[in-house]
């Protein structure tokens, strides 16, 4: 629970500081540097969230197989499908970042 509160606090600080960063005068440059930094932070957040999700999926699947070894095939199939969905979200984030930068 403390990790979630800490993550939300960090995300809140980033969201509060972001408008001030983009409001600064870039001195006639196109602002590609700030866009690249924002893309890196966005991808880091997406990768962190995907890693947490994949860890929870795998641990729940292992717990389910430990409780009912006869259902291992069905649990494995559901786990792989869940992992595919989480990884797809991370890849979509990467694709959108690459298109915007």
Protein backbone atom coordinates (compact mmCIF):
# COMPACT_ATOMS: atom_id res chain seq x y z
CA UNK A 1 0.00 0.00 0.00
CA UNK A 2 2.86 2.35 0.80
CA UNK A 3 4.35 1.76 -2.64
CA UNK A 4 1.11 2.75 -4.33
CA UNK A 5 0.83 5.92 -2.27
CA UNK A 6 4.45 6.78 -3.00
CA UNK A 7 3.98 6.15 -6.73
CA UNK A 8 0.88 8.35 -6.78
CA UNK A 9 2.76 11.11 -4.93
CA UNK A 10 5.62 11.02 -7.44
CA UNK A 11 3.17 11.01 -10.34
CA UNK A 12 1.36 13.98 -8.79
CA UNK A 13 4.59 15.95 -8.48
CA UNK A 14 5.48 15.22 -12.10
CA UNK A 15 2.03 16.32 -13.24
CA UNK A 16 2.28 19.54 -11.22
CA UNK A 17 5.74 20.41 -12.57
CA UNK A 18 5.08 19.51 -16.22
CA UNK A 19 3.07 22.65 -17.17
CA UNK A 20 5.82 24.90 -15.78
CA UNK A 21 8.44 23.12 -17.85
CA UNK A 22 6.49 23.48 -21.06
CA UNK A 23 5.65 27.13 -20.30
CA UNK A 24 9.30 28.16 -20.36
CA UNK A 25 10.67 29.95 -23.38
CA UNK A 26 12.76 27.59 -25.46
CA UNK A 27 14.87 30.40 -26.90
CA UNK A 28 13.72 29.87 -30.45
CA UNK A 29 14.40 26.14 -30.53
CA UNK A 30 11.82 23.57 -31.48
CA UNK A 31 11.69 21.98 -28.01
CA UNK A 32 12.70 18.51 -29.22
CA UNK A 33 14.85 18.01 -26.13
CA UNK A 34 11.97 18.47 -23.72
CA UNK A 35 9.79 16.25 -25.85
CA UNK A 36 12.41 13.50 -25.73
CA UNK A 37 12.67 13.79 -21.94
CA UNK A 38 8.90 13.60 -21.59
CA UNK A 39 8.83 10.57 -23.88
CA UNK A 40 11.48 8.86 -21.76
CA UNK A 41 9.57 9.52 -18.56
CA UNK A 42 6.35 8.30 -20.15
CA UNK A 43 7.95 5.09 -21.34
CA UNK A 44 9.51 4.53 -17.93
CA UNK A 45 6.12 4.84 -16.27
CA UNK A 46 4.57 2.48 -18.81
CA UNK A 47 7.37 -0.08 -18.36
CA UNK A 48 7.08 0.13 -14.58
CA UNK A 49 3.33 -0.43 -14.71
CA UNK A 50 3.69 -3.31 -17.16
CA UNK A 51 6.32 -4.97 -14.98
CA UNK A 52 4.11 -4.71 -11.90
CA UNK A 53 1.17 -6.14 -13.80
CA UNK A 54 3.16 -9.02 -15.23
CA UNK A 55 4.56 -9.86 -11.81
CA UNK A 56 1.10 -10.00 -10.29
CA UNK A 57 -0.22 -12.13 -13.15
CA UNK A 58 2.63 -14.63 -12.80
CA UNK A 59 2.40 -14.84 -9.01
CA UNK A 60 -1.36 -15.39 -9.15
CA UNK A 61 -0.94 -18.09 -11.78
CA UNK A 62 1.71 -19.88 -9.70
CA UNK A 63 -0.54 -19.70 -6.65
CA UNK A 64 -3.47 -21.08 -8.64
CA UNK A 65 -1.42 -23.99 -9.97
CA UNK A 66 -0.13 -24.73 -6.47
CA UNK A 67 -3.69 -24.90 -5.15
CA UNK A 68 -5.10 -26.94 -8.04
CA UNK A 69 -2.46 -28.74 -10.12
CA UNK A 70 -5.16 -30.35 -12.28
CA UNK A 71 -6.12 -26.97 -13.74
CA UNK A 72 -2.55 -26.05 -14.70
CA UNK A 73 -3.27 -26.04 -18.44
CA UNK A 74 -6.23 -23.67 -18.20
CA UNK A 75 -4.39 -21.41 -15.76
CA UNK A 76 -1.32 -21.31 -18.01
CA UNK A 77 -3.43 -20.34 -21.03
CA UNK A 78 -5.16 -17.55 -19.10
CA UNK A 79 -1.82 -16.35 -17.76
CA UNK A 80 -0.24 -16.17 -21.22
CA UNK A 81 -3.25 -14.28 -22.55
CA UNK A 82 -3.02 -11.79 -19.69
CA UNK A 83 0.71 -11.33 -20.22
CA UNK A 84 0.12 -10.67 -23.92
CA UNK A 85 -2.41 -7.94 -23.14
CA UNK A 86 -0.09 -6.22 -20.66
CA UNK A 87 2.90 -6.37 -23.01
CA UNK A 88 0.76 -5.05 -25.87
CA UNK A 89 -0.11 -1.97 -23.83
CA UNK A 90 3.59 -1.31 -23.22
CA UNK A 91 4.37 -1.72 -26.93
CA UNK A 92 1.51 0.62 -27.89
CA UNK A 93 2.98 3.19 -25.53
CA UNK A 94 6.36 2.84 -27.22
CA UNK A 95 4.81 3.19 -30.67
CA UNK A 96 2.88 6.33 -29.70
CA UNK A 97 6.00 7.85 -28.16
CA UNK A 98 7.99 7.16 -31.30
CA UNK A 99 5.30 8.76 -33.45
CA UNK A 100 5.13 11.89 -31.30
CA UNK A 101 8.85 12.53 -30.88
